[in-house]
Amino acid sequence: MHIGLHSTWDVYDCDRDKLSYVPYISEVLHAIVDDLGLGKVKDAFKQFEPVGVTGFILLEESHISIHTWPEHGYAAVDVFSCKPFDVVAVENKLKQLLGAENVVTRNLERGEVPNPISS
């Protein structure tokens, strides 16, 4: 048994305008969290000049983050959650919302628990 799943998405060939500014990137992260039914605690976003965004939402279950490089049409996204979530749904949402052509997904099970406690 594992405590949680940590998934990353390398998102290539994105619409550069969509990667450029905080308001849209904030919408993207919040839409993913809402779709997954995760609990939001607090968010923070940083706008880089002239373009590019780093964003983070602290979740009850852990976190989601994004880092964008509009000049390369690239975004790095990750979700770590102790609540199971649909990895493919996130990939599809990223393709749709960022206009991505290519997404590489990686999954890592975190926190192996040898003797889980029964409730």
PDB file of N, CA and C in Angstrom:
ATOM      1  N   MET A   1       0.846  -1.183   0.000  1.00  0.00           N
ATOM      2  CA  MET A   1       0.000   0.000   0.000  1.00  0.00           C
ATOM      3  C   MET A   1       0.889   1.244   0.000  1.00  0.00           C
ATOM      4  N   HIS A   2       0.394   2.274  -0.660  1.00  0.00           N
ATOM      5  CA  HIS A   2       1.119   3.537  -0.727  1.00  0.00           C
ATOM      6  C   HIS A   2       0.254   4.671  -0.189  1.00  0.00           C
ATOM      7  N   ILE A   3       0.915   5.662   0.359  1.00  0.00           N
ATOM      8  CA  ILE A   3       0.238   6.835   0.915  1.00  0.00           C
ATOM      9  C   ILE A   3      -0.399   7.674  -0.191  1.00  0.00           C
ATOM     10  N   GLY A   4       0.314   7.838  -1.307  1.00  0.00           N
ATOM     11  CA  GLY A   4      -0.225   8.702  -2.345  1.00  0.00           C
ATOM     12  C   GLY A   4       0.437   8.487  -3.688  1.00  0.00           C
ATOM     13  N   LEU A   5      -0.100   9.189  -4.669  1.00  0.00           N
ATOM     14  CA  LEU A   5       0.417   9.147  -6.032  1.00  0.00           C
ATOM     15  C   LEU A   5       0.947  10.530  -6.391  1.00  0.00           C
ATOM     16  N   HIS A   6       2.152  10.556  -6.965  1.00  0.00           N
ATOM     17  CA  HIS A   6       2.747  11.807  -7.450  1.00  0.00           C
ATOM     18  C   HIS A   6       2.906  11.650  -8.957  1.00  0.00           C
ATOM     19  N   SER A   7       2.134  12.436  -9.693  1.00  0.00           N
ATOM     20  CA  SER A   7       2.162  12.377 -11.153  1.00  0.00           C
ATOM     21  C   SER A   7       2.713  13.681 -11.703  1.00  0.00           C
ATOM     22  N   THR A   8       3.491  13.552 -12.791  1.00  0.00           N
ATOM     23  CA  THR A   8       4.015  14.733 -13.468  1.00  0.00           C
ATOM     24  C   THR A   8       3.636  14.662 -14.939  1.00  0.00           C
ATOM     25  N   TRP A   9       3.471  15.841 -15.522  1.00  0.00           N
ATOM     26  CA  TRP A   9       3.158  15.958 -16.931  1.00  0.00           C
ATOM     27  C   TRP A   9       4.116  16.973 -17.540  1.00  0.00           C
ATOM     28  N   ASP A  10       4.894  16.556 -18.533  1.00  0.00           N
ATOM     29  CA  ASP A  10       5.687  17.466 -19.343  1.00  0.00           C
ATOM     30  C   ASP A  10       4.813  17.769 -20.551  1.00  0.00           C
ATOM     31  N   VAL A  11       4.396  19.024 -20.671  1.00  0.00           N
ATOM     32  CA  VAL A  11       3.395  19.418 -21.657  1.00  0.00           C
ATOM     33  C   VAL A  11       4.084  20.251 -22.739  1.00  0.00           C
ATOM     34  N   TYR A  12       4.161  19.691 -23.938  1.00  0.00           N
ATOM     35  CA  TYR A  12       4.904  20.286 -25.044  1.00  0.00           C
ATOM     36  C   TYR A  12       3.981  20.860 -26.116  1.00  0.00           C
ATOM     37  N   ASP A  13       4.542  21.769 -26.919  1.00  0.00           N
ATOM     38  CA  ASP A  13       3.848  22.335 -28.076  1.00  0.00           C
ATOM     39  C   ASP A  13       2.527  22.991 -27.684  1.00  0.00           C
ATOM     40  N   CYS A  14       2.558  23.718 -26.567  1.00  0.00           N
ATOM     41  CA  CYS A  14       1.372  24.415 -26.070  1.00  0.00           C
ATOM     42  C   CYS A  14       1.161  25.729 -26.816  1.00  0.00           C
ATOM     43  N   ASP A  15      -0.034  26.250 -26.713  1.00  0.00           N
ATOM     44  CA  ASP A  15      -0.353  27.589 -27.172  1.00  0.00           C
ATOM     45  C   ASP A  15       0.415  28.566 -26.270  1.00  0.00           C
ATOM     46  N   ARG A  16       1.359  29.270 -26.841  1.00  0.00           N
ATOM     47  CA  ARG A  16       2.253  30.140 -26.059  1.00  0.00           C
ATOM     48  C   ARG A  16       1.512  31.245 -25.331  1.00  0.00           C
ATOM     49  N   ASP A  17       0.458  31.769 -25.923  1.00  0.00           N
ATOM     50  CA  ASP A  17      -0.313  32.819 -25.257  1.00  0.00           C
ATOM     51  C   ASP A  17      -0.976  32.294 -23.988  1.00  0.00           C
ATOM     52  N   LYS A  18      -1.454  31.059 -24.025  1.00  0.00           N
ATOM     53  CA  LYS A  18      -2.121  30.483 -22.856  1.00  0.00           C
ATOM     54  C   LYS A  18      -1.152  30.261 -21.701  1.00  0.00           C
ATOM     55  N   LEU A  19       0.117  30.073 -22.002  1.00  0.00           N
ATOM     56  CA  LEU A  19       1.126  29.836 -20.965  1.00  0.00           C
ATOM     57  C   LEU A  19       1.668  31.123 -20.343  1.00  0.00           C
ATOM     58  N   SER A  20       1.312  32.260 -20.884  1.00  0.00           N
ATOM     59  CA  SER A  20       2.026  33.495 -20.595  1.00  0.00           C
ATOM     60  C   SER A  20       1.640  34.222 -19.313  1.00  0.00           C
ATOM     61  N   TYR A  21       0.358  34.148 -18.908  1.00  0.00           N
ATOM     62  CA  TYR A  21      -0.092  35.042 -17.839  1.00  0.00           C
ATOM     63  C   TYR A  21      -0.883  34.316 -16.753  1.00  0.00           C
ATOM     64  N   VAL A  22      -0.786  34.851 -15.544  1.00  0.00           N
ATOM     65  CA  VAL A  22      -1.388  34.242 -14.359  1.00  0.00           C
ATOM     66  C   VAL A  22      -2.893  33.991 -14.482  1.00  0.00           C
ATOM     67  N   PRO A  23      -3.713  34.925 -14.932  1.00  0.00           N
ATOM     68  CA  PRO A  23      -5.160  34.668 -14.879  1.00  0.00           C
ATOM     69  C   PRO A  23      -5.576  33.362 -15.558  1.00  0.00           C
ATOM     70  N   TYR A  24      -5.057  33.095 -16.746  1.00  0.00           N
ATOM     71  CA  TYR A  24      -5.457  31.867 -17.440  1.00  0.00           C
ATOM     72  C   TYR A  24      -4.866  30.628 -16.767  1.00  0.00           C
ATOM     73  N   ILE A  25      -3.601  30.692 -16.376  1.00  0.00           N
ATOM     74  CA  ILE A  25      -2.961  29.537 -15.728  1.00  0.00           C
ATOM     75  C   ILE A  25      -3.664  29.217 -14.408  1.00  0.00           C
ATOM     76  N   SER A  26      -4.083  30.231 -13.681  1.00  0.00           N
ATOM     77  CA  SER A  26      -4.848  30.017 -12.456  1.00  0.00           C
ATOM     78  C   SER A  26      -6.152  29.274 -12.759  1.00  0.00           C
ATOM     79  N   GLU A  27      -6.840  29.686 -13.824  1.00  0.00           N
ATOM     80  CA  GLU A  27      -8.069  28.991 -14.228  1.00  0.00           C
ATOM     81  C   GLU A  27      -7.803  27.523 -14.537  1.00  0.00           C
ATOM     82  N   VAL A  28      -6.697  27.245 -15.223  1.00  0.00           N
ATOM     83  CA  VAL A  28      -6.345  25.874 -15.588  1.00  0.00           C
ATOM     84  C   VAL A  28      -6.161  25.019 -14.339  1.00  0.00           C
ATOM     85  N   LEU A  29      -5.335  25.491 -13.403  1.00  0.00           N
ATOM     86  CA  LEU A  29      -5.087  24.693 -12.191  1.00  0.00           C
ATOM     87  C   LEU A  29      -6.361  24.500 -11.380  1.00  0.00           C
ATOM     88  N   HIS A  30      -7.141  25.559 -11.226  1.00  0.00           N
ATOM     89  CA  HIS A  30      -8.381  25.438 -10.451  1.00  0.00           C
ATOM     90  C   HIS A  30      -9.369  24.491 -11.133  1.00  0.00           C
ATOM     91  N   ALA A  31      -9.426  24.506 -12.447  1.00  0.00           N
ATOM     92  CA  ALA A  31     -10.317  23.589 -13.171  1.00  0.00           C
ATOM     93  C   ALA A  31      -9.917  22.136 -12.938  1.00  0.00           C
ATOM     94  N   ILE A  32      -8.613  21.864 -12.946  1.00  0.00           N
ATOM     95  CA  ILE A  32      -8.140  20.489 -12.703  1.00  0.00           C
ATOM     96  C   ILE A  32      -8.503  20.046 -11.292  1.00  0.00           C
ATOM     97  N   VAL A  33      -8.237  20.901 -10.312  1.00  0.00           N
ATOM     98  CA  VAL A  33      -8.552  20.565  -8.915  1.00  0.00           C
ATOM     99  C   VAL A  33     -10.053  20.309  -8.757  1.00  0.00           C
ATOM    100  N   ASP A  34     -10.883  21.172  -9.362  1.00  0.00           N
ATOM    101  CA  ASP A  34     -12.335  20.986  -9.281  1.00  0.00           C
ATOM    102  C   ASP A  34     -12.753  19.673  -9.928  1.00  0.00           C
ATOM    103  N   ASP A  35     -12.210  19.361 -11.109  1.00  0.00           N
ATOM    104  CA  ASP A  35     -12.549  18.118 -11.796  1.00  0.00           C
ATOM    105  C   ASP A  35     -12.174  16.886 -10.980  1.00  0.00           C
ATOM    106  N   LEU A  36     -11.060  16.970 -10.257  1.00  0.00           N
ATOM    107  CA  LEU A  36     -10.598  15.830  -9.461  1.00  0.00           C
ATOM    108  C   LEU A  36     -11.299  15.737  -8.110  1.00  0.00           C
ATOM    109  N   GLY A  37     -12.049  16.764  -7.736  1.00  0.00           N
ATOM    110  CA  GLY A  37     -12.758  16.756  -6.456  1.00  0.00           C
ATOM    111  C   GLY A  37     -11.815  16.864  -5.267  1.00  0.00           C
ATOM    112  N   LEU A  38     -10.729  17.613  -5.435  1.00  0.00           N
ATOM    113  CA  LEU A  38      -9.758  17.781  -4.355  1.00  0.00           C
ATOM    114  C   LEU A  38     -10.069  19.054  -3.579  1.00  0.00           C
ATOM    115  N   GLY A  39      -9.594  19.117  -2.322  1.00  0.00           N
ATOM    116  CA  GLY A  39      -9.894  20.244  -1.447  1.00  0.00           C
ATOM    117  C   GLY A  39      -8.839  21.333  -1.499  1.00  0.00           C
ATOM    118  N   LYS A  40      -9.236  22.524  -1.925  1.00  0.00           N
ATOM    119  CA  LYS A  40      -8.311  23.657  -1.998  1.00  0.00           C
ATOM    120  C   LYS A  40      -8.114  24.273  -0.618  1.00  0.00           C
ATOM    121  N   VAL A  41      -6.860  24.603  -0.319  1.00  0.00           N
ATOM    122  CA  VAL A  41      -6.526  25.297   0.923  1.00  0.00           C
ATOM    123  C   VAL A  41      -6.126  26.737   0.619  1.00  0.00           C
ATOM    124  N   LYS A  42      -5.153  26.915  -0.277  1.00  0.00           N
ATOM    125  CA  LYS A  42      -4.641  28.244  -0.623  1.00  0.00           C
ATOM    126  C   LYS A  42      -3.886  28.146  -1.942  1.00  0.00           C
ATOM    127  N   ASP A  43      -3.858  29.252  -2.677  1.00  0.00           N
ATOM    128  CA  ASP A  43      -3.077  29.244  -3.917  1.00  0.00           C
ATOM    129  C   ASP A  43      -2.099  30.417  -3.934  1.00  0.00           C
ATOM    130  N   ALA A  44      -1.105  30.292  -4.781  1.00  0.00           N
ATOM    131  CA  ALA A  44      -0.127  31.361  -4.997  1.00  0.00           C
ATOM    132  C   ALA A  44       0.370  31.259  -6.425  1.00  0.00           C
ATOM    133  N   PHE A  45       0.497  32.419  -7.078  1.00  0.00           N
ATOM    134  CA  PHE A  45       0.977  32.473  -8.456  1.00  0.00           C
ATOM    135  C   PHE A  45       1.975  33.613  -8.599  1.00  0.00           C
ATOM    136  N   LYS A  46       2.971  33.410  -9.434  1.00  0.00           N
ATOM    137  CA  LYS A  46       4.002  34.401  -9.702  1.00  0.00           C
ATOM    138  C   LYS A  46       4.025  34.675 -11.198  1.00  0.00           C
ATOM    139  N   GLN A  47       3.899  35.944 -11.570  1.00  0.00           N
ATOM    140  CA  GLN A  47       3.995  36.359 -12.961  1.00  0.00           C
ATOM    141  C   GLN A  47       5.434  36.760 -13.251  1.00  0.00           C
ATOM    142  N   PHE A  48       6.036  36.163 -14.277  1.00  0.00           N
ATOM    143  CA  PHE A  48       7.372  36.558 -14.701  1.00  0.00           C
ATOM    144  C   PHE A  48       7.264  37.560 -15.839  1.00  0.00           C
ATOM    145  N   GLU A  49       8.284  38.380 -15.995  1.00  0.00           N
ATOM    146  CA  GLU A  49       8.313  39.391 -17.057  1.00  0.00           C
ATOM    147  C   GLU A  49       9.343  39.009 -18.100  1.00  0.00           C
ATOM    148  N   PRO A  50       9.009  39.029 -19.366  1.00  0.00           N
ATOM    149  CA  PRO A  50       7.746  39.534 -19.878  1.00  0.00           C
ATOM    150  C   PRO A  50       6.613  38.510 -19.807  1.00  0.00           C
ATOM    151  N   VAL A  51       6.925  37.232 -19.822  1.00  0.00           N
ATOM    152  CA  VAL A  51       5.882  36.202 -19.768  1.00  0.00           C
ATOM    153  C   VAL A  51       6.397  34.995 -18.981  1.00  0.00           C
ATOM    154  N   GLY A  52       5.457  34.169 -18.552  1.00  0.00           N
ATOM    155  CA  GLY A  52       5.778  32.949 -17.819  1.00  0.00           C
ATOM    156  C   GLY A  52       5.165  32.990 -16.436  1.00  0.00           C
ATOM    157  N   VAL A  53       4.793  31.812 -15.945  1.00  0.00           N
ATOM    158  CA  VAL A  53       4.062  31.719 -14.680  1.00  0.00           C
ATOM    159  C   VAL A  53       4.559  30.530 -13.873  1.00  0.00           C
ATOM    160  N   THR A  54       4.615  30.724 -12.572  1.00  0.00           N
ATOM    161  CA  THR A  54       4.734  29.627 -11.629  1.00  0.00           C
ATOM    162  C   THR A  54       3.503  29.688 -10.743  1.00  0.00           C
ATOM    163  N   GLY A  55       2.846  28.539 -10.567  1.00  0.00           N
ATOM    164  CA  GLY A  55       1.641  28.519  -9.751  1.00  0.00           C
ATOM    165  C   GLY A  55       1.565  27.275  -8.901  1.00  0.00           C
ATOM    166  N   PHE A  56       0.880  27.418  -7.765  1.00  0.00           N
ATOM    167  CA  PHE A  56       0.805  26.342  -6.786  1.00  0.00           C
ATOM    168  C   PHE A  56      -0.525  26.442  -6.062  1.00  0.00           C
ATOM    169  N   ILE A  57      -1.193  25.309  -5.897  1.00  0.00           N
ATOM    170  CA  ILE A  57      -2.370  25.253  -5.038  1.00  0.00           C
ATOM    171  C   ILE A  57      -2.095  24.209  -3.964  1.00  0.00           C
ATOM    172  N   LEU A  58      -2.113  24.661  -2.721  1.00  0.00           N
ATOM    173  CA  LEU A  58      -2.013  23.764  -1.573  1.00  0.00           C
ATOM    174  C   LEU A  58      -3.359  23.078  -1.419  1.00  0.00           C
ATOM    175  N   LEU A  59      -3.333  21.769  -1.356  1.00  0.00           N
ATOM    176  CA  LEU A  59      -4.557  20.979  -1.252  1.00  0.00           C
ATOM    177  C   LEU A  59      -4.646  20.301   0.105  1.00  0.00           C
ATOM    178  N   GLU A  60      -5.838  19.967   0.514  1.00  0.00           N
ATOM    179  CA  GLU A  60      -6.011  19.148   1.709  1.00  0.00           C
ATOM    180  C   GLU A  60      -5.284  17.822   1.528  1.00  0.00           C
ATOM    181  N   GLU A  61      -5.220  17.348   0.287  1.00  0.00           N
ATOM    182  CA  GLU A  61      -4.606  16.066  -0.031  1.00  0.00           C
ATOM    183  C   GLU A  61      -3.122  16.185  -0.369  1.00  0.00           C
ATOM    184  N   SER A  62      -2.599  17.365  -0.634  1.00  0.00           N
ATOM    185  CA  SER A  62      -1.196  17.681  -0.871  1.00  0.00           C
ATOM    186  C   SER A  62      -1.063  18.921  -1.737  1.00  0.00           C
ATOM    187  N   HIS A  63      -0.749  18.779  -3.068  1.00  0.00           N
ATOM    188  CA  HIS A  63      -0.557  19.977  -3.890  1.00  0.00           C
ATOM    189  C   HIS A  63      -0.692  19.691  -5.386  1.00  0.00           C
ATOM    190  N   ILE A  64      -0.846  20.796  -6.139  1.00  0.00           N
ATOM    191  CA  ILE A  64      -0.737  20.805  -7.593  1.00  0.00           C
ATOM    192  C   ILE A  64       0.110  22.027  -7.939  1.00  0.00           C
ATOM    193  N   SER A  65       0.988  21.885  -8.934  1.00  0.00           N
ATOM    194  CA  SER A  65       1.804  23.031  -9.339  1.00  0.00           C
ATOM    195  C   SER A  65       2.004  23.046 -10.847  1.00  0.00           C
ATOM    196  N   ILE A  66       2.369  24.238 -11.342  1.00  0.00           N
ATOM    197  CA  ILE A  66       2.669  24.416 -12.760  1.00  0.00           C
ATOM    198  C   ILE A  66       3.788  25.448 -12.890  1.00  0.00           C
ATOM    199  N   HIS A  67       4.630  25.227 -13.874  1.00  0.00           N
ATOM    200  CA  HIS A  67       5.701  26.154 -14.219  1.00  0.00           C
ATOM    201  C   HIS A  67       5.686  26.237 -15.743  1.00  0.00           C
ATOM    202  N   THR A  68       5.602  27.471 -16.291  1.00  0.00           N
ATOM    203  CA  THR A  68       5.473  27.608 -17.738  1.00  0.00           C
ATOM    204  C   THR A  68       6.662  28.335 -18.357  1.00  0.00           C
ATOM    205  N   TRP A  69       7.001  27.923 -19.556  1.00  0.00           N
ATOM    206  CA  TRP A  69       8.028  28.544 -20.386  1.00  0.00           C
ATOM    207  C   TRP A  69       7.383  28.820 -21.746  1.00  0.00           C
ATOM    208  N   PRO A  70       6.656  29.941 -21.866  1.00  0.00           N
ATOM    209  CA  PRO A  70       5.970  30.236 -23.130  1.00  0.00           C
ATOM    210  C   PRO A  70       6.909  30.292 -24.324  1.00  0.00           C
ATOM    211  N   GLU A  71       8.129  30.750 -24.100  1.00  0.00           N
ATOM    212  CA  GLU A  71       9.081  30.859 -25.213  1.00  0.00           C
ATOM    213  C   GLU A  71       9.425  29.496 -25.804  1.00  0.00           C
ATOM    214  N   HIS A  72       9.169  28.429 -25.055  1.00  0.00           N
ATOM    215  CA  HIS A  72       9.415  27.062 -25.539  1.00  0.00           C
ATOM    216  C   HIS A  72       8.116  26.296 -25.767  1.00  0.00           C
ATOM    217  N   GLY A  73       6.966  26.925 -25.495  1.00  0.00           N
ATOM    218  CA  GLY A  73       5.690  26.232 -25.627  1.00  0.00           C
ATOM    219  C   GLY A  73       5.570  25.060 -24.677  1.00  0.00           C
ATOM    220  N   TYR A  74       6.169  25.197 -23.483  1.00  0.00           N
ATOM    221  CA  TYR A  74       6.302  24.075 -22.539  1.00  0.00           C
ATOM    222  C   TYR A  74       5.768  24.435 -21.156  1.00  0.00           C
ATOM    223  N   ALA A  75       5.144  23.449 -20.516  1.00  0.00           N
ATOM    224  CA  ALA A  75       4.726  23.574 -19.124  1.00  0.00           C
ATOM    225  C   ALA A  75       5.063  22.292 -18.375  1.00  0.00           C
ATOM    226  N   ALA A  76       5.480  22.451 -17.125  1.00  0.00           N
ATOM    227  CA  ALA A  76       5.719  21.325 -16.221  1.00  0.00           C
ATOM    228  C   ALA A  76       4.627  21.372 -15.157  1.00  0.00           C
ATOM    229  N   VAL A  77       3.894  20.268 -15.025  1.00  0.00           N
ATOM    230  CA  VAL A  77       2.763  20.210 -14.098  1.00  0.00           C
ATOM    231  C   VAL A  77       2.932  18.986 -13.216  1.00  0.00           C
ATOM    232  N   ASP A  78       2.536  19.113 -11.944  1.00  0.00           N
ATOM    233  CA  ASP A  78       2.524  17.929 -11.091  1.00  0.00           C
ATOM    234  C   ASP A  78       1.369  17.985 -10.109  1.00  0.00           C
ATOM    235  N   VAL A  79       0.917  16.782  -9.717  1.00  0.00           N
ATOM    236  CA  VAL A  79      -0.081  16.614  -8.661  1.00  0.00           C
ATOM    237  C   VAL A  79       0.439  15.533  -7.737  1.00  0.00           C
ATOM    238  N   PHE A  80       0.437  15.831  -6.448  1.00  0.00           N
ATOM    239  CA  PHE A  80       0.707  14.817  -5.426  1.00  0.00           C
ATOM    240  C   PHE A  80      -0.524  14.781  -4.552  1.00  0.00           C
ATOM    241  N   SER A  81      -1.112  13.584  -4.385  1.00  0.00           N
ATOM    242  CA  SER A  81      -2.349  13.462  -3.623  1.00  0.00           C
ATOM    243  C   SER A  81      -2.426  12.129  -2.905  1.00  0.00           C
ATOM    244  N   CYS A  82      -2.918  12.176  -1.678  1.00  0.00           N
ATOM    245  CA  CYS A  82      -3.182  10.945  -0.934  1.00  0.00           C
ATOM    246  C   CYS A  82      -4.550  10.372  -1.314  1.00  0.00           C
ATOM    247  N   LYS A  83      -5.345  11.150  -2.037  1.00  0.00           N
ATOM    248  CA  LYS A  83      -6.626  10.676  -2.559  1.00  0.00           C
ATOM    249  C   LYS A  83      -6.405  10.218  -3.999  1.00  0.00           C
ATOM    250  N   PRO A  84      -6.870   9.033  -4.369  1.00  0.00           N
ATOM    251  CA  PRO A  84      -6.701   8.574  -5.752  1.00  0.00           C
ATOM    252  C   PRO A  84      -7.327   9.569  -6.737  1.00  0.00           C
ATOM    253  N   PHE A  85      -6.688   9.724  -7.903  1.00  0.00           N
ATOM    254  CA  PHE A  85      -7.204  10.627  -8.924  1.00  0.00           C
ATOM    255  C   PHE A  85      -6.936  10.048 -10.305  1.00  0.00           C
ATOM    256  N   ASP A  86      -7.652  10.570 -11.283  1.00  0.00           N
ATOM    257  CA  ASP A  86      -7.589  10.082 -12.660  1.00  0.00           C
ATOM    258  C   ASP A  86      -6.469  10.803 -13.413  1.00  0.00           C
ATOM    259  N   VAL A  87      -5.348  10.137 -13.587  1.00  0.00           N
ATOM    260  CA  VAL A  87      -4.167  10.698 -14.239  1.00  0.00           C
ATOM    261  C   VAL A  87      -4.463  11.036 -15.703  1.00  0.00           C
ATOM    262  N   VAL A  88      -5.192  10.174 -16.385  1.00  0.00           N
ATOM    263  CA  VAL A  88      -5.513  10.390 -17.796  1.00  0.00           C
ATOM    264  C   VAL A  88      -6.436  11.600 -17.957  1.00  0.00           C
ATOM    265  N   ALA A  89      -7.353  11.797 -17.024  1.00  0.00           N
ATOM    266  CA  ALA A  89      -8.242  12.963 -17.092  1.00  0.00           C
ATOM    267  C   ALA A  89      -7.443  14.259 -17.004  1.00  0.00           C
ATOM    268  N   VAL A  90      -6.404  14.274 -16.155  1.00  0.00           N
ATOM    269  CA  VAL A  90      -5.557  15.459 -16.050  1.00  0.00           C
ATOM    270  C   VAL A  90      -4.816  15.684 -17.369  1.00  0.00           C
ATOM    271  N   GLU A  91      -4.258  14.631 -17.931  1.00  0.00           N
ATOM    272  CA  GLU A  91      -3.556  14.750 -19.211  1.00  0.00           C
ATOM    273  C   GLU A  91      -4.479  15.326 -20.285  1.00  0.00           C
ATOM    274  N   ASN A  92      -5.694  14.805 -20.366  1.00  0.00           N
ATOM    275  CA  ASN A  92      -6.648  15.280 -21.370  1.00  0.00           C
ATOM    276  C   ASN A  92      -7.019  16.743 -21.131  1.00  0.00           C
ATOM    277  N   LYS A  93      -7.181  17.124 -19.870  1.00  0.00           N
ATOM    278  CA  LYS A  93      -7.527  18.512 -19.537  1.00  0.00           C
ATOM    279  C   LYS A  93      -6.385  19.452 -19.913  1.00  0.00           C
ATOM    280  N   LEU A  94      -5.147  19.031 -19.672  1.00  0.00           N
ATOM    281  CA  LEU A  94      -3.995  19.856 -20.039  1.00  0.00           C
ATOM    282  C   LEU A  94      -3.914  20.041 -21.548  1.00  0.00           C
ATOM    283  N   LYS A  95      -4.140  18.967 -22.299  1.00  0.00           N
ATOM    284  CA  LYS A  95      -4.139  19.081 -23.762  1.00  0.00           C
ATOM    285  C   LYS A  95      -5.200  20.070 -24.228  1.00  0.00           C
ATOM    286  N   GLN A  96      -6.378  19.926 -23.666  1.00  0.00           N
ATOM    287  CA  GLN A  96      -7.499  20.776 -24.059  1.00  0.00           C
ATOM    288  C   GLN A  96      -7.242  22.233 -23.676  1.00  0.00           C
ATOM    289  N   LEU A  97      -6.900  22.499 -22.430  1.00  0.00           N
ATOM    290  CA  LEU A  97      -6.806  23.876 -21.943  1.00  0.00           C
ATOM    291  C   LEU A  97      -5.538  24.599 -22.379  1.00  0.00           C
ATOM    292  N   LEU A  98      -4.451  23.862 -22.615  1.00  0.00           N
ATOM    293  CA  LEU A  98      -3.200  24.501 -23.020  1.00  0.00           C
ATOM    294  C   LEU A  98      -2.920  24.365 -24.516  1.00  0.00           C
ATOM    295  N   GLY A  99      -3.810  23.691 -25.230  1.00  0.00           N
ATOM    296  CA  GLY A  99      -3.616  23.507 -26.667  1.00  0.00           C
ATOM    297  C   GLY A  99      -2.381  22.677 -26.970  1.00  0.00           C
ATOM    298  N   ALA A 100      -2.082  21.721 -26.100  1.00  0.00           N
ATOM    299  CA  ALA A 100      -0.854  20.930 -26.211  1.00  0.00           C
ATOM    300  C   ALA A 100      -0.969  19.838 -27.261  1.00  0.00           C
ATOM    301  N   GLU A 101       0.135  19.601 -27.937  1.00  0.00           N
ATOM    302  CA  GLU A 101       0.203  18.533 -28.931  1.00  0.00           C
ATOM    303  C   GLU A 101       0.783  17.249 -28.343  1.00  0.00           C
ATOM    304  N   ASN A 102       1.634  17.382 -27.332  1.00  0.00           N
ATOM    305  CA  ASN A 102       2.367  16.224 -26.814  1.00  0.00           C
ATOM    306  C   ASN A 102       2.497  16.341 -25.295  1.00  0.00           C
ATOM    307  N   VAL A 103       2.112  15.278 -24.589  1.00  0.00           N
ATOM    308  CA  VAL A 103       2.211  15.255 -23.131  1.00  0.00           C
ATOM    309  C   VAL A 103       2.876  13.959 -22.710  1.00  0.00           C
ATOM    310  N   VAL A 104       3.904  14.088 -21.875  1.00  0.00           N
ATOM    311  CA  VAL A 104       4.582  12.918 -21.311  1.00  0.00           C
ATOM    312  C   VAL A 104       4.208  12.849 -19.834  1.00  0.00           C
ATOM    313  N   THR A 105       3.621  11.708 -19.449  1.00  0.00           N
ATOM    314  CA  THR A 105       3.136  11.517 -18.082  1.00  0.00           C
ATOM    315  C   THR A 105       4.024  10.516 -17.359  1.00  0.00           C
ATOM    316  N   ARG A 106       4.331  10.834 -16.107  1.00  0.00           N
ATOM    317  CA  ARG A 106       5.087   9.917 -15.250  1.00  0.00           C
ATOM    318  C   ARG A 106       4.359   9.804 -13.918  1.00  0.00           C
ATOM    319  N   ASN A 107       4.361   8.600 -13.341  1.00  0.00           N
ATOM    320  CA  ASN A 107       3.691   8.355 -12.069  1.00  0.00           C
ATOM    321  C   ASN A 107       4.655   7.713 -11.081  1.00  0.00           C
ATOM    322  N   LEU A 108       4.557   8.155  -9.854  1.00  0.00           N
ATOM    323  CA  LEU A 108       5.395   7.621  -8.787  1.00  0.00           C
ATOM    324  C   LEU A 108       4.524   7.384  -7.562  1.00  0.00           C
ATOM    325  N   GLU A 109       4.484   6.133  -7.107  1.00  0.00           N
ATOM    326  CA  GLU A 109       3.786   5.840  -5.861  1.00  0.00           C
ATOM    327  C   GLU A 109       4.682   6.267  -4.719  1.00  0.00           C
ATOM    328  N   ARG A 110       4.133   7.026  -3.761  1.00  0.00           N
ATOM    329  CA  ARG A 110       4.910   7.580  -2.664  1.00  0.00           C
ATOM    330  C   ARG A 110       4.474   6.982  -1.342  1.00  0.00           C
ATOM    331  N   GLY A 111       5.427   6.849  -0.433  1.00  0.00           N
ATOM    332  CA  GLY A 111       5.126   6.460   0.938  1.00  0.00           C
ATOM    333  C   GLY A 111       4.635   5.048   1.103  1.00  0.00           C
ATOM    334  N   GLU A 112       5.480   4.088   0.768  1.00  0.00           N
ATOM    335  CA  GLU A 112       5.088   2.699   0.937  1.00  0.00           C
ATOM    336  C   GLU A 112       4.885   2.409   2.424  1.00  0.00           C
ATOM    337  N   VAL A 113       3.724   1.832   2.727  1.00  0.00           N
ATOM    338  CA  VAL A 113       3.371   1.510   4.107  1.00  0.00           C
ATOM    339  C   VAL A 113       3.299  -0.011   4.206  1.00  0.00           C
ATOM    340  N   PRO A 114       4.252  -0.638   4.920  1.00  0.00           N
ATOM    341  CA  PRO A 114       4.287  -2.097   4.973  1.00  0.00           C
ATOM    342  C   PRO A 114       3.145  -2.716   5.753  1.00  0.00           C
ATOM    343  N   ASN A 115       2.694  -2.083   6.820  1.00  0.00           N
ATOM    344  CA  ASN A 115       1.626  -2.622   7.657  1.00  0.00           C
ATOM    345  C   ASN A 115       0.551  -1.571   7.847  1.00  0.00           C
ATOM    346  N   PRO A 116      -0.361  -1.440   6.873  1.00  0.00           N
ATOM    347  CA  PRO A 116      -1.395  -0.411   7.012  1.00  0.00           C
ATOM    348  C   PRO A 116      -2.273  -0.663   8.231  1.00  0.00           C
ATOM    349  N   ILE A 117      -2.685   0.414   8.851  1.00  0.00           N
ATOM    350  CA  ILE A 117      -3.556   0.338  10.030  1.00  0.00           C
ATOM    351  C   ILE A 117      -4.994   0.237   9.533  1.00  0.00           C
ATOM    352  N   SER A 118      -5.732  -0.743  10.028  1.00  0.00           N
ATOM    353  CA  SER A 118      -7.136  -0.892   9.659  1.00  0.00           C
ATOM    354  C   SER A 118      -7.963   0.090  10.459  1.00  0.00           C
ATOM    355  N   SER A 119      -9.009   0.630   9.797  1.00  0.00           N
ATOM    356  CA  SER A 119      -9.882   1.535  10.558  1.00  0.00           C
ATOM    357  C   SER A 119     -11.204   0.887  10.852  1.00  0.00           C
TER     358      SER A 119
END
